[in-house]
Amino acid sequence: MAADSEPEQVRLRVHGAPDQATVVYLPGLHGDWTLVGAFRLALGGQVRFVEMTYPRTVTWTLEDYAAGIERALAEAGIASGWVLAESFGCQVAWPLVARQRFHAAGLILAGGFGRYPLRWAVRLSERLCGRVSLALLTRVLFGYARMLRWRYGNSPDLAASLREFLERRTEADRQAAVHRLRLIAGNHPEDLVRRIQVPVHALTGFVDPVVPWPFVRCWLRRNCPNLRSYRIIWGSDHNVLGTAPRRAAQQVLAWMQ
């Protein structure tokens, strides 16, 4: 059963025309499309952008996530495209791309990783997230949303996304995030990563205490034969798509050429 009354299915939102090159965005730990608006706008309508929201499940495995995404894409008539996986989304991307039921042209990691380099940190985050009160979490998130609103101005689209971001932070959402942390801590994707047959690129912010990129880059160079490039954006952080949307969009479009 899901953590609330939502059906256990992936929801899609598609921007752009079917004849455009397709980018399928897999969100991070927060599990939805609410923080990718600035990046989508920075793409300037040059691609068909498919964004999604995961169900608030506390039972799905990473393979279940991949299968759920495949079903949603198939129902929408989307059979191929580039996969853009942010943070936790990369843990779903490895099985999604390796299964080859969705025909990925390439995989781009944004603040992503293979095997998480600091397992103790994930376990600690899981315990803290599981114990913190929803009231305290909400206050922290309101502060984060105000910072984003100040940073990106008064765009109506982004303001609506931030409102949705706050509205979705419920108790069920917190439980789902704790479950996703458990999936990260228990994942050993080495075999899947070595099986990836498409080009793999990685994008990260220079200041990233959440996913320390020096460890990640070394791991990918050892375990991912199809890793083509690893780009670090100075002045950005873990949420590289949100804190450096223009530079990130330019790089993603360049890799897709």
C-alpha atoms as a PDB file:
ATOM      1  CA  MET A   1       0.000   0.000   0.000  1.00  0.00           C
ATOM      2  CA  ALA A   2       1.103   3.561  -0.623  1.00  0.00           C
ATOM      3  CA  ALA A   3       1.824   5.928   2.245  1.00  0.00           C
ATOM      4  CA  ASP A   4      -1.510   7.688   1.579  1.00  0.00           C
ATOM      5  CA  SER A   5      -4.548   7.258  -0.652  1.00  0.00           C
ATOM      6  CA  GLU A   6      -2.702   8.114  -3.865  1.00  0.00           C
ATOM      7  CA  PRO A   7      -2.593   5.271  -6.408  1.00  0.00           C
ATOM      8  CA  GLU A   8       0.842   3.698  -6.768  1.00  0.00           C
ATOM      9  CA  GLN A   9       1.574   5.088 -10.206  1.00  0.00           C
ATOM     10  CA  VAL A  10       3.869   7.638 -11.795  1.00  0.00           C
ATOM     11  CA  ARG A  11       2.259  10.873 -13.003  1.00  0.00           C
ATOM     12  CA  LEU A  12       3.647  12.596 -16.111  1.00  0.00           C
ATOM     13  CA  ARG A  13       3.487  16.142 -17.420  1.00  0.00           C
ATOM     14  CA  VAL A  14       4.688  16.763 -20.982  1.00  0.00           C
ATOM     15  CA  HIS A  15       5.879  20.098 -22.388  1.00  0.00           C
ATOM     16  CA  GLY A  16       6.558  20.391 -26.119  1.00  0.00           C
ATOM     17  CA  ALA A  17       5.696  18.611 -29.347  1.00  0.00           C
ATOM     18  CA  PRO A  18       6.162  14.914 -30.230  1.00  0.00           C
ATOM     19  CA  ASP A  19       8.489  15.755 -33.133  1.00  0.00           C
ATOM     20  CA  GLN A  20      11.032  17.396 -30.818  1.00  0.00           C
ATOM     21  CA  ALA A  21      13.951  15.612 -29.161  1.00  0.00           C
ATOM     22  CA  THR A  22      12.713  14.217 -25.845  1.00  0.00           C
ATOM     23  CA  VAL A  23      14.182  14.637 -22.353  1.00  0.00           C
ATOM     24  CA  VAL A  24      12.684  12.503 -19.578  1.00  0.00           C
ATOM     25  CA  TYR A  25      13.371  14.030 -16.155  1.00  0.00           C
ATOM     26  CA  LEU A  26      13.605  11.748 -13.098  1.00  0.00           C
ATOM     27  CA  PRO A  27      13.310  13.835  -9.902  1.00  0.00           C
ATOM     28  CA  GLY A  28      15.380  13.480  -6.767  1.00  0.00           C
ATOM     29  CA  LEU A  29      14.459  12.604  -3.194  1.00  0.00           C
ATOM     30  CA  HIS A  30      11.538  15.063  -3.100  1.00  0.00           C
ATOM     31  CA  GLY A  31       9.962  12.959  -5.836  1.00  0.00           C
ATOM     32  CA  ASP A  32       8.172  15.467  -8.041  1.00  0.00           C
ATOM     33  CA  TRP A  33       8.442  18.154 -10.735  1.00  0.00           C
ATOM     34  CA  THR A  34       8.176  21.151  -8.417  1.00  0.00           C
ATOM     35  CA  LEU A  35      11.866  22.180  -8.394  1.00  0.00           C
ATOM     36  CA  VAL A  36      12.731  21.772 -12.080  1.00  0.00           C
ATOM     37  CA  GLY A  37      10.729  24.705 -13.471  1.00  0.00           C
ATOM     38  CA  ALA A  38      13.664  27.115 -13.818  1.00  0.00           C
ATOM     39  CA  PHE A  39      15.669  24.517 -15.743  1.00  0.00           C
ATOM     40  CA  ARG A  40      12.729  23.670 -18.004  1.00  0.00           C
ATOM     41  CA  LEU A  41      12.249  27.344 -18.841  1.00  0.00           C
ATOM     42  CA  ALA A  42      15.991  27.709 -19.512  1.00  0.00           C
ATOM     43  CA  LEU A  43      15.720  24.998 -22.189  1.00  0.00           C
ATOM     44  CA  GLY A  44      13.739  27.554 -24.172  1.00  0.00           C
ATOM     45  CA  GLY A  45      11.287  25.092 -25.722  1.00  0.00           C
ATOM     46  CA  GLN A  46      14.043  23.392 -27.725  1.00  0.00           C
ATOM     47  CA  VAL A  47      13.072  19.890 -26.525  1.00  0.00           C
ATOM     48  CA  ARG A  48       9.992  17.967 -25.470  1.00  0.00           C
ATOM     49  CA  PHE A  49      10.402  17.898 -21.699  1.00  0.00           C
ATOM     50  CA  VAL A  50       8.731  15.071 -19.797  1.00  0.00           C
ATOM     51  CA  GLU A  51       8.619  15.585 -16.048  1.00  0.00           C
ATOM     52  CA  MET A  52       7.132  13.278 -13.459  1.00  0.00           C
ATOM     53  CA  THR A  53       5.958  12.792  -9.904  1.00  0.00           C
ATOM     54  CA  TYR A  54       6.580   9.505  -8.101  1.00  0.00           C
ATOM     55  CA  PRO A  55       3.885   7.917  -5.945  1.00  0.00           C
ATOM     56  CA  ARG A  56       4.311   8.260  -2.185  1.00  0.00           C
ATOM     57  CA  THR A  57       5.059   4.588  -1.869  1.00  0.00           C
ATOM     58  CA  VAL A  58       6.915   2.957   1.018  1.00  0.00           C
ATOM     59  CA  THR A  59       7.059  -0.452  -0.672  1.00  0.00           C
ATOM     60  CA  TRP A  60       8.491   0.017  -4.167  1.00  0.00           C
ATOM     61  CA  THR A  61      11.967  -1.242  -5.010  1.00  0.00           C
ATOM     62  CA  LEU A  62      14.157   0.582  -7.522  1.00  0.00           C
ATOM     63  CA  GLU A  63      13.064  -1.970 -10.136  1.00  0.00           C
ATOM     64  CA  ASP A  64       9.439  -1.134  -9.280  1.00  0.00           C
ATOM     65  CA  TYR A  65      10.212   2.549  -9.852  1.00  0.00           C
ATOM     66  CA  ALA A  66      11.740   1.718 -13.251  1.00  0.00           C
ATOM     67  CA  ALA A  67       8.754  -0.419 -14.222  1.00  0.00           C
ATOM     68  CA  GLY A  68       6.316   2.269 -13.091  1.00  0.00           C
ATOM     69  CA  ILE A  69       8.087   4.867 -15.203  1.00  0.00           C
ATOM     70  CA  GLU A  70       8.097   2.528 -18.209  1.00  0.00           C
ATOM     71  CA  ARG A  71       4.341   2.017 -17.876  1.00  0.00           C
ATOM     72  CA  ALA A  72       3.645   5.739 -17.608  1.00  0.00           C
ATOM     73  CA  LEU A  73       5.821   6.567 -20.613  1.00  0.00           C
ATOM     74  CA  ALA A  74       4.282   3.778 -22.703  1.00  0.00           C
ATOM     75  CA  GLU A  75       0.762   4.962 -21.875  1.00  0.00           C
ATOM     76  CA  ALA A  76       1.779   8.461 -23.003  1.00  0.00           C
ATOM     77  CA  GLY A  77       3.185   7.079 -26.270  1.00  0.00           C
ATOM     78  CA  ILE A  78       6.775   8.002 -25.354  1.00  0.00           C
ATOM     79  CA  ALA A  79       9.127   5.201 -26.404  1.00  0.00           C
ATOM     80  CA  SER A  80      12.532   6.886 -26.554  1.00  0.00           C
ATOM     81  CA  GLY A  81      14.533   9.916 -25.489  1.00  0.00           C
ATOM     82  CA  TRP A  82      17.315  11.154 -23.248  1.00  0.00           C
ATOM     83  CA  VAL A  83      17.050  10.415 -19.533  1.00  0.00           C
ATOM     84  CA  LEU A  84      17.937  13.266 -17.156  1.00  0.00           C
ATOM     85  CA  ALA A  85      18.231  11.855 -13.629  1.00  0.00           C
ATOM     86  CA  GLU A  86      18.592  14.124 -10.624  1.00  0.00           C
ATOM     87  CA  SER A  87      20.140  12.840  -7.370  1.00  0.00           C
ATOM     88  CA  PHE A  88      17.933   9.925  -6.163  1.00  0.00           C
ATOM     89  CA  GLY A  89      16.548   9.728  -9.706  1.00  0.00           C
ATOM     90  CA  CYS A  90      19.848   8.277 -10.900  1.00  0.00           C
ATOM     91  CA  GLN A  91      19.265   5.205  -8.713  1.00  0.00           C
ATOM     92  CA  VAL A  92      16.071   4.644 -10.702  1.00  0.00           C
ATOM     93  CA  ALA A  93      17.763   5.520 -13.991  1.00  0.00           C
ATOM     94  CA  TRP A  94      20.319   2.694 -13.815  1.00  0.00           C
ATOM     95  CA  PRO A  95      17.691  -0.096 -13.980  1.00  0.00           C
ATOM     96  CA  LEU A  96      15.466   1.940 -16.317  1.00  0.00           C
ATOM     97  CA  VAL A  97      18.226   2.339 -18.907  1.00  0.00           C
ATOM     98  CA  ALA A  98      19.727  -1.128 -18.413  1.00  0.00           C
ATOM     99  CA  ARG A  99      16.357  -2.850 -18.979  1.00  0.00           C
ATOM    100  CA  GLN A 100      16.165  -1.246 -22.473  1.00  0.00           C
ATOM    101  CA  ARG A 101      12.359  -1.338 -22.575  1.00  0.00           C
ATOM    102  CA  PHE A 102      12.415   2.426 -22.806  1.00  0.00           C
ATOM    103  CA  HIS A 103      14.904   3.229 -25.572  1.00  0.00           C
ATOM    104  CA  ALA A 104      17.279   5.738 -23.995  1.00  0.00           C
ATOM    105  CA  ALA A 105      19.462   7.739 -26.368  1.00  0.00           C
ATOM    106  CA  GLY A 106      21.698   8.711 -23.459  1.00  0.00           C
ATOM    107  CA  LEU A 107      21.776   9.252 -19.713  1.00  0.00           C
ATOM    108  CA  ILE A 108      22.627  12.522 -17.965  1.00  0.00           C
ATOM    109  CA  LEU A 109      23.186  12.564 -14.202  1.00  0.00           C
ATOM    110  CA  ALA A 110      22.526  15.826 -12.341  1.00  0.00           C
ATOM    111  CA  GLY A 111      24.002  15.634  -8.860  1.00  0.00           C
ATOM    112  CA  GLY A 112      23.809  11.892  -9.424  1.00  0.00           C
ATOM    113  CA  PHE A 113      25.892   8.907  -8.448  1.00  0.00           C
ATOM    114  CA  GLY A 114      26.338   5.166  -8.760  1.00  0.00           C
ATOM    115  CA  ARG A 115      26.872   3.583  -5.371  1.00  0.00           C
ATOM    116  CA  TYR A 116      26.510   6.313  -2.759  1.00  0.00           C
ATOM    117  CA  PRO A 117      30.013   7.024  -1.410  1.00  0.00           C
ATOM    118  CA  LEU A 118      29.144   7.727   2.254  1.00  0.00           C
ATOM    119  CA  ARG A 119      26.743   5.019   3.434  1.00  0.00           C
ATOM    120  CA  TRP A 120      26.854   6.170   7.054  1.00  0.00           C
ATOM    121  CA  ALA A 121      25.634   9.619   5.970  1.00  0.00           C
ATOM    122  CA  VAL A 122      22.600   8.108   4.226  1.00  0.00           C
ATOM    123  CA  ARG A 123      21.759   6.014   7.284  1.00  0.00           C
ATOM    124  CA  LEU A 124      22.071   9.097   9.492  1.00  0.00           C
ATOM    125  CA  SER A 125      19.857  11.146   7.149  1.00  0.00           C
ATOM    126  CA  GLU A 126      17.298   8.336   7.163  1.00  0.00           C
ATOM    127  CA  ARG A 127      17.145   8.334  10.968  1.00  0.00           C
ATOM    128  CA  LEU A 128      16.978  12.130  11.211  1.00  0.00           C
ATOM    129  CA  CYS A 129      14.326  12.428   8.525  1.00  0.00           C
ATOM    130  CA  GLY A 130      12.325   9.681  10.208  1.00  0.00           C
ATOM    131  CA  ARG A 131      12.397  11.453  13.582  1.00  0.00           C
ATOM    132  CA  VAL A 132      12.054  15.136  12.704  1.00  0.00           C
ATOM    133  CA  SER A 133       8.561  16.543  13.200  1.00  0.00           C
ATOM    134  CA  LEU A 134       6.527  17.544  10.174  1.00  0.00           C
ATOM    135  CA  ALA A 135       6.067  21.013  11.699  1.00  0.00           C
ATOM    136  CA  LEU A 136       9.825  21.583  11.873  1.00  0.00           C
ATOM    137  CA  LEU A 137      10.321  20.204   8.381  1.00  0.00           C
ATOM    138  CA  THR A 138       7.629  22.532   7.057  1.00  0.00           C
ATOM    139  CA  ARG A 139       9.312  25.593   8.616  1.00  0.00           C
ATOM    140  CA  VAL A 140      12.627  24.628   7.016  1.00  0.00           C
ATOM    141  CA  LEU A 141      10.997  24.116   3.632  1.00  0.00           C
ATOM    142  CA  PHE A 142       9.163  27.449   3.793  1.00  0.00           C
ATOM    143  CA  GLY A 143      12.539  29.115   4.328  1.00  0.00           C
ATOM    144  CA  TYR A 144      13.975  27.229   1.365  1.00  0.00           C
ATOM    145  CA  ALA A 145      11.032  28.257  -0.824  1.00  0.00           C
ATOM    146  CA  ARG A 146      11.459  31.927   0.129  1.00  0.00           C
ATOM    147  CA  MET A 147      15.124  31.723  -0.850  1.00  0.00           C
ATOM    148  CA  LEU A 148      14.212  30.238  -4.242  1.00  0.00           C
ATOM    149  CA  ARG A 149      11.570  32.918  -4.803  1.00  0.00           C
ATOM    150  CA  TRP A 150      14.134  35.626  -4.073  1.00  0.00           C
ATOM    151  CA  ARG A 151      16.691  33.980  -6.338  1.00  0.00           C
ATOM    152  CA  TYR A 152      14.440  33.473  -9.379  1.00  0.00           C
ATOM    153  CA  GLY A 153      12.217  36.542  -9.191  1.00  0.00           C
ATOM    154  CA  ASN A 154       8.479  36.708  -9.653  1.00  0.00           C
ATOM    155  CA  SER A 155       7.889  34.292 -12.540  1.00  0.00           C
ATOM    156  CA  PRO A 156       4.246  33.108 -12.251  1.00  0.00           C
ATOM    157  CA  ASP A 157       5.213  29.600 -13.402  1.00  0.00           C
ATOM    158  CA  LEU A 158       7.961  29.276 -10.798  1.00  0.00           C
ATOM    159  CA  ALA A 159       5.793  30.779  -8.064  1.00  0.00           C
ATOM    160  CA  ALA A 160       3.110  28.170  -8.807  1.00  0.00           C
ATOM    161  CA  SER A 161       5.734  25.400  -8.687  1.00  0.00           C
ATOM    162  CA  LEU A 162       6.978  26.588  -5.300  1.00  0.00           C
ATOM    163  CA  ARG A 163       3.434  26.641  -3.917  1.00  0.00           C
ATOM    164  CA  GLU A 164       2.954  23.086  -5.140  1.00  0.00           C
ATOM    165  CA  PHE A 165       6.318  22.098  -3.646  1.00  0.00           C
ATOM    166  CA  LEU A 166       5.168  23.256  -0.200  1.00  0.00           C
ATOM    167  CA  GLU A 167       1.693  21.768  -0.522  1.00  0.00           C
ATOM    168  CA  ARG A 168       3.104  18.332  -1.319  1.00  0.00           C
ATOM    169  CA  ARG A 169       5.298  18.162   1.798  1.00  0.00           C
ATOM    170  CA  THR A 170       2.950  16.036   3.878  1.00  0.00           C
ATOM    171  CA  GLU A 171       3.524  13.281   6.418  1.00  0.00           C
ATOM    172  CA  ALA A 172       3.054  10.685   3.669  1.00  0.00           C
ATOM    173  CA  ASP A 173       5.622  12.538   1.590  1.00  0.00           C
ATOM    174  CA  ARG A 174       8.117  12.445   4.476  1.00  0.00           C
ATOM    175  CA  GLN A 175       7.630   8.697   4.889  1.00  0.00           C
ATOM    176  CA  ALA A 176       8.199   8.179   1.159  1.00  0.00           C
ATOM    177  CA  ALA A 177      11.446  10.195   1.347  1.00  0.00           C
ATOM    178  CA  VAL A 178      12.670   8.054   4.250  1.00  0.00           C
ATOM    179  CA  HIS A 179      11.952   4.939   2.175  1.00  0.00           C
ATOM    180  CA  ARG A 180      13.916   6.367  -0.766  1.00  0.00           C
ATOM    181  CA  LEU A 181      16.879   6.966   1.547  1.00  0.00           C
ATOM    182  CA  ARG A 182      16.740   3.279   2.517  1.00  0.00           C
ATOM    183  CA  LEU A 183      16.812   2.349  -1.166  1.00  0.00           C
ATOM    184  CA  ILE A 184      19.919   4.494  -1.704  1.00  0.00           C
ATOM    185  CA  ALA A 185      21.686   2.989   1.308  1.00  0.00           C
ATOM    186  CA  GLY A 186      21.008  -0.563   0.183  1.00  0.00           C
ATOM    187  CA  ASN A 187      21.745  -0.156  -3.511  1.00  0.00           C
ATOM    188  CA  HIS A 188      24.765  -1.746  -5.201  1.00  0.00           C
ATOM    189  CA  PRO A 189      24.351  -0.776  -8.879  1.00  0.00           C
ATOM    190  CA  GLU A 190      27.796  -1.822 -10.137  1.00  0.00           C
ATOM    191  CA  ASP A 191      26.531  -4.570 -12.463  1.00  0.00           C
ATOM    192  CA  LEU A 192      23.776  -2.385 -13.897  1.00  0.00           C
ATOM    193  CA  VAL A 193      26.146   0.535 -14.455  1.00  0.00           C
ATOM    194  CA  ARG A 194      28.595  -1.671 -16.357  1.00  0.00           C
ATOM    195  CA  ARG A 195      25.762  -2.892 -18.596  1.00  0.00           C
ATOM    196  CA  ILE A 196      24.720   0.587 -19.747  1.00  0.00           C
ATOM    197  CA  GLN A 197      25.172   0.760 -23.520  1.00  0.00           C
ATOM    198  CA  VAL A 198      24.357   4.437 -24.110  1.00  0.00           C
ATOM    199  CA  PRO A 199      26.481   7.560 -23.553  1.00  0.00           C
ATOM    200  CA  VAL A 200      26.554   8.690 -19.928  1.00  0.00           C
ATOM    201  CA  HIS A 201      27.284  12.281 -18.919  1.00  0.00           C
ATOM    202  CA  ALA A 202      27.356  13.826 -15.452  1.00  0.00           C
ATOM    203  CA  LEU A 203      26.679  17.356 -14.245  1.00  0.00           C
ATOM    204  CA  THR A 204      27.219  18.604 -10.714  1.00  0.00           C
ATOM    205  CA  GLY A 205      27.607  21.761  -8.689  1.00  0.00           C
ATOM    206  CA  PHE A 206      31.015  22.525  -7.210  1.00  0.00           C
ATOM    207  CA  VAL A 207      29.678  22.934  -3.661  1.00  0.00           C
ATOM    208  CA  ASP A 208      27.843  19.675  -3.015  1.00  0.00           C
ATOM    209  CA  PRO A 209      27.978  18.297   0.530  1.00  0.00           C
ATOM    210  CA  VAL A 210      25.001  16.018  -0.250  1.00  0.00           C
ATOM    211  CA  VAL A 211      26.707  13.986  -2.984  1.00  0.00           C
ATOM    212  CA  PRO A 212      30.477  14.687  -2.835  1.00  0.00           C
ATOM    213  CA  TRP A 213      31.489  14.687  -6.483  1.00  0.00           C
ATOM    214  CA  PRO A 214      35.217  13.749  -6.139  1.00  0.00           C
ATOM    215  CA  PHE A 215      34.183  10.312  -4.821  1.00  0.00           C
ATOM    216  CA  VAL A 216      31.398   9.973  -7.375  1.00  0.00           C
ATOM    217  CA  ARG A 217      33.598  10.877 -10.330  1.00  0.00           C
ATOM    218  CA  CYS A 218      36.236   8.315  -9.314  1.00  0.00           C
ATOM    219  CA  TRP A 219      33.595   5.613  -8.861  1.00  0.00           C
ATOM    220  CA  LEU A 220      32.001   6.304 -12.252  1.00  0.00           C
ATOM    221  CA  ARG A 221      35.355   6.296 -14.028  1.00  0.00           C
ATOM    222  CA  ARG A 222      36.046   2.841 -12.560  1.00  0.00           C
ATOM    223  CA  ASN A 223      32.624   1.311 -13.041  1.00  0.00           C
ATOM    224  CA  CYS A 224      30.922   3.051 -15.980  1.00  0.00           C
ATOM    225  CA  PRO A 225      32.640   2.196 -19.285  1.00  0.00           C
ATOM    226  CA  ASN A 226      30.356   4.556 -21.231  1.00  0.00           C
ATOM    227  CA  LEU A 227      30.994   7.627 -19.078  1.00  0.00           C
ATOM    228  CA  ARG A 228      31.805  10.292 -21.670  1.00  0.00           C
ATOM    229  CA  SER A 229      32.141  13.483 -19.625  1.00  0.00           C
ATOM    230  CA  TYR A 230      31.834  14.904 -16.121  1.00  0.00           C
ATOM    231  CA  ARG A 231      31.071  18.638 -15.892  1.00  0.00           C
ATOM    232  CA  ILE A 232      31.389  20.655 -12.682  1.00  0.00           C
ATOM    233  CA  ILE A 233      29.580  24.004 -12.539  1.00  0.00           C
ATOM    234  CA  TRP A 234      31.252  26.536 -10.273  1.00  0.00           C
ATOM    235  CA  GLY A 235      28.992  28.634  -8.087  1.00  0.00           C
ATOM    236  CA  SER A 236      26.322  25.942  -8.014  1.00  0.00           C
ATOM    237  CA  ASP A 237      25.380  23.237  -5.507  1.00  0.00           C
ATOM    238  CA  HIS A 238      23.649  19.858  -5.307  1.00  0.00           C
ATOM    239  CA  ASN A 239      20.487  21.186  -6.958  1.00  0.00           C
ATOM    240  CA  VAL A 240      22.498  22.098 -10.030  1.00  0.00           C
ATOM    241  CA  LEU A 241      19.460  22.197 -12.345  1.00  0.00           C
ATOM    242  CA  GLY A 242      17.825  24.756 -10.075  1.00  0.00           C
ATOM    243  CA  THR A 243      20.787  26.864  -8.962  1.00  0.00           C
ATOM    244  CA  ALA A 244      22.479  27.069 -12.394  1.00  0.00           C
ATOM    245  CA  PRO A 245      19.549  26.495 -14.786  1.00  0.00           C
ATOM    246  CA  ARG A 246      20.932  28.375 -17.798  1.00  0.00           C
ATOM    247  CA  ARG A 247      24.385  26.793 -17.713  1.00  0.00           C
ATOM    248  CA  ALA A 248      22.903  23.374 -16.992  1.00  0.00           C
ATOM    249  CA  ALA A 249      20.447  23.708 -19.880  1.00  0.00           C
ATOM    250  CA  GLN A 250      23.186  24.762 -22.284  1.00  0.00           C
ATOM    251  CA  GLN A 251      25.286  21.774 -21.291  1.00  0.00           C
ATOM    252  CA  VAL A 252      22.433  19.286 -21.576  1.00  0.00           C
ATOM    253  CA  LEU A 253      21.504  20.580 -25.030  1.00  0.00           C
ATOM    254  CA  ALA A 254      25.141  20.361 -26.122  1.00  0.00           C
ATOM    255  CA  TRP A 255      25.394  16.734 -24.994  1.00  0.00           C
ATOM    256  CA  MET A 256      22.248  15.882 -26.933  1.00  0.00           C
ATOM    257  CA  GLN A 257      23.684  17.101 -30.237  1.00  0.00           C
END
